[in-house]
Protein backbone atom coordinates (compact mmCIF):
# COMPACT_ATOMS: atom_id res chain seq x y z
CA UNK A 1 16.35 89.75 129.67
CA UNK A 2 18.97 92.49 129.25
CA UNK A 3 19.03 95.22 131.88
CA UNK A 4 20.50 98.67 131.29
CA UNK A 5 22.04 100.15 134.42
CA UNK A 6 24.07 103.25 135.15
CA UNK A 7 23.68 106.67 136.67
CA UNK A 8 20.89 109.03 135.78
CA UNK A 9 21.48 111.06 132.58
CA UNK A 10 24.02 108.69 130.99
CA UNK A 11 21.57 108.11 128.13
CA UNK A 12 19.83 104.80 128.88
CA UNK A 13 16.38 106.06 127.82
CA UNK A 14 17.77 107.73 124.69
CA UNK A 15 19.53 104.45 123.86
CA UNK A 16 16.23 102.54 124.19
CA UNK A 17 14.34 105.10 122.09
CA UNK A 18 17.04 104.78 119.38
CA UNK A 19 16.64 100.99 119.47
CA UNK A 20 12.84 101.18 119.27
CA UNK A 21 12.27 103.78 116.59
CA UNK A 22 15.66 104.80 115.25
CA UNK A 23 15.25 108.36 116.47
CA UNK A 24 16.93 110.51 119.11
CA UNK A 25 15.43 113.17 121.33
CA UNK A 26 17.36 115.35 123.75
CA UNK A 27 14.08 116.28 125.48
CA UNK A 28 13.45 112.97 127.26
CA UNK A 29 12.62 113.13 130.98
CA UNK A 30 14.50 110.92 133.42
CA UNK A 31 13.10 107.42 133.82
CA UNK A 32 11.07 106.83 136.95
CA UNK A 33 11.01 103.10 137.54
CA UNK A 34 11.29 100.56 134.73
CA UNK A 35 10.54 100.58 131.00
CA UNK A 36 10.71 97.44 128.88
CA UNK A 37 10.77 96.69 125.16
CA UNK A 38 11.37 93.64 122.98
CA UNK A 39 14.08 93.83 120.31
CA UNK A 40 14.43 90.93 117.84
CA UNK A 41 17.75 90.28 116.13
CA UNK A 42 19.27 87.53 114.01
CA UNK A 43 22.87 86.70 114.87
CA UNK A 44 24.84 83.93 113.19
CA UNK A 45 21.60 82.63 111.66
CA UNK A 46 19.85 82.38 115.05
CA UNK A 47 16.81 84.47 115.93
CA UNK A 48 17.13 86.05 119.36
CA UNK A 49 14.64 88.38 121.03
CA UNK A 50 16.14 90.61 123.70
CA UNK A 51 13.88 91.86 126.44
CA UNK A 52 15.49 95.22 127.13
CA UNK A 53 14.87 96.93 130.47
CA UNK A 54 15.61 100.62 131.03
CA UNK A 55 16.18 101.25 134.74
CA UNK A 56 16.08 104.54 136.61
CA UNK A 57 19.52 105.73 137.67
CA UNK A 58 18.35 107.93 140.53
CA UNK A 59 19.29 106.89 144.03
CA UNK A 60 15.66 106.61 145.20
CA UNK A 61 14.97 103.91 142.59
CA UNK A 62 18.02 101.72 143.24
CA UNK A 63 16.09 99.20 145.35
CA UNK A 64 13.47 98.80 142.57
CA UNK A 65 16.23 98.37 140.00
CA UNK A 66 18.12 95.82 142.08
CA UNK A 67 14.98 93.67 142.60
CA UNK A 68 15.07 92.57 138.94
CA UNK A 69 18.82 91.82 138.76
CA UNK A 70 18.47 88.12 139.60
CA UNK A 71 16.29 87.58 136.50
CA UNK A 72 18.75 89.15 134.07
CA UNK A 73 20.71 87.22 131.45
CA UNK A 74 22.86 90.23 130.59
CA UNK A 75 23.59 93.81 131.60
CA UNK A 76 24.46 96.92 129.64
CA UNK A 77 26.39 98.92 132.22
CA UNK A 78 26.33 102.43 130.80
CA UNK A 79 28.33 105.54 131.59
CA UNK A 80 28.63 108.93 129.89
CA UNK A 81 32.06 109.58 128.33
CA UNK A 82 31.59 113.31 129.09
CA UNK A 83 31.12 112.64 132.82
CA UNK A 84 33.90 111.29 135.03
CA UNK A 85 31.30 111.06 137.82
CA UNK A 86 29.23 108.55 135.85
CA UNK A 87 32.40 106.57 135.04
CA UNK A 88 33.37 106.49 138.73
CA UNK A 89 29.91 105.04 139.50
CA UNK A 90 30.62 101.99 137.29
CA UNK A 91 32.23 100.21 140.26
CA UNK A 92 29.07 100.79 142.33
CA UNK A 93 26.86 99.30 139.59
CA UNK A 94 29.30 96.43 139.05
CA UNK A 95 29.03 95.58 142.76
CA UNK A 96 25.21 95.73 142.57
CA UNK A 97 25.30 93.30 139.64
CA UNK A 98 27.70 90.95 141.42
CA UNK A 99 25.50 90.97 144.53
CA UNK A 100 22.14 90.57 142.80
CA UNK A 101 22.69 88.74 139.52
CA UNK A 102 23.40 85.10 138.78
CA UNK A 103 26.98 83.94 138.32
CA UNK A 104 28.57 84.26 134.88
CA UNK A 105 26.00 86.83 133.72
CA UNK A 106 27.00 88.66 130.52
CA UNK A 107 28.06 92.28 131.11
CA UNK A 108 28.91 94.86 128.46
CA UNK A 109 30.42 98.14 129.66
CA UNK A 110 29.07 100.82 127.36
CA UNK A 111 30.45 104.35 127.11
CA UNK A 112 27.64 106.48 125.66
CA UNK A 113 27.77 109.91 123.96
CA UNK A 114 30.82 109.04 121.81
CA UNK A 115 29.68 111.78 119.41
CA UNK A 116 30.39 114.50 122.00
CA UNK A 117 33.55 116.59 121.76
CA UNK A 118 33.68 117.25 125.52
CA UNK A 119 35.10 113.82 126.38
CA UNK A 120 36.25 113.41 129.98
CA UNK A 121 36.74 109.63 129.99
CA UNK A 122 39.38 108.36 127.52
CA UNK A 123 38.47 105.20 125.58
CA UNK A 124 41.48 103.39 127.05
CA UNK A 125 40.15 104.03 130.59
CA UNK A 126 36.91 102.27 129.64
CA UNK A 127 38.85 99.43 128.04
CA UNK A 128 41.07 99.06 131.14
CA UNK A 129 38.14 99.00 133.54
CA UNK A 130 36.29 96.46 131.40
CA UNK A 131 39.40 94.27 131.33
CA UNK A 132 39.76 94.57 135.11
CA UNK A 133 36.18 93.35 135.62
CA UNK A 134 36.26 90.91 132.67
CA UNK A 135 33.38 92.80 130.98
CA UNK A 136 32.92 93.36 127.28
CA UNK A 137 33.46 96.97 126.18
CA UNK A 138 32.12 99.30 123.51
CA UNK A 139 31.48 102.98 123.02
CA UNK A 140 28.25 104.16 121.40
CA UNK A 141 26.14 107.21 120.67
CA UNK A 142 22.39 107.16 121.20
CA UNK A 143 22.34 110.51 119.38
CA UNK A 144 23.90 109.29 116.10
CA UNK A 145 23.05 105.59 116.48
CA UNK A 146 26.75 104.60 116.36
CA UNK A 147 27.22 101.10 117.87
CA UNK A 148 23.70 101.03 119.36
CA UNK A 149 22.46 98.00 117.42
CA UNK A 150 25.98 96.57 117.32
CA UNK A 151 26.18 96.53 121.12
CA UNK A 152 22.87 94.67 121.35
CA UNK A 153 23.98 92.27 118.62
CA UNK A 154 27.16 91.60 120.62
CA UNK A 155 25.10 90.75 123.71
CA UNK A 156 22.66 88.66 121.65
CA UNK A 157 25.54 86.72 120.09
CA UNK A 158 27.03 85.91 123.51
CA UNK A 159 23.61 84.90 124.88
CA UNK A 160 22.70 82.79 121.83
CA UNK A 161 25.93 80.85 122.26
CA UNK A 162 24.98 80.14 125.89
CA UNK A 163 21.38 79.03 125.12
CA UNK A 164 20.69 75.44 124.13
CA UNK A 165 19.35 74.96 120.58
CA UNK A 166 15.63 74.47 120.10
CA UNK A 167 14.47 77.29 122.37
CA UNK A 168 11.41 79.13 121.08
CA UNK A 169 11.71 82.82 120.32
CA UNK A 170 9.11 85.54 120.20
CA UNK A 171 7.75 87.05 117.01
CA UNK A 172 8.50 90.63 116.09
CA UNK A 173 6.18 93.07 117.79
CA UNK A 174 6.45 96.23 119.82
CA UNK A 175 5.30 96.00 123.40
CA UNK A 176 3.50 98.95 124.99
CA UNK A 177 5.72 100.74 127.43
CA UNK A 178 5.28 99.63 130.99
CA UNK A 179 6.15 101.93 133.85
CA UNK A 180 6.39 100.82 137.41
CA UNK A 181 7.38 102.87 140.38
CA UNK A 182 7.72 102.26 144.04
CA UNK A 183 7.05 104.60 146.91
CA UNK A 184 9.25 102.64 149.30
CA UNK A 185 12.54 104.34 148.53
């Protein structure tokens, strides 16, 4: 499974909607809990199906989000290039991943909203931070679709190289959205 983490409003849900149906909506409400979809891809001749989880970025859902970290094979750690606040929060999310996930988990730092003119986080800052943490790095735009599939293909390629040959993969189908929420936070 691949888990998307990052602050609220960085574009995780828009990213998932772009992956699922190729469309973008600026009218999406904030996620409350967890959404999941399956996304099949062929990389280097291998069929890989990513189970993509969209987590809520709000503080009250952090404990729910962190409960699923230990099951993850990879993380898309997303920030908004128009928000220095969301970029500053990357270190918090990186610590959450290091505490809750298995060792040597694949992490791709993803700067979203690369189509926006009001950039506050220079690309080289994202690259430097990714290098510091030994994460992969890309910028994307859920609005235009730039690097959305490419970022998932990058993760799938890394994961397929880690998986032993002969593993079964799932057939192409769209799962109904599942929402879970917790009143404990």
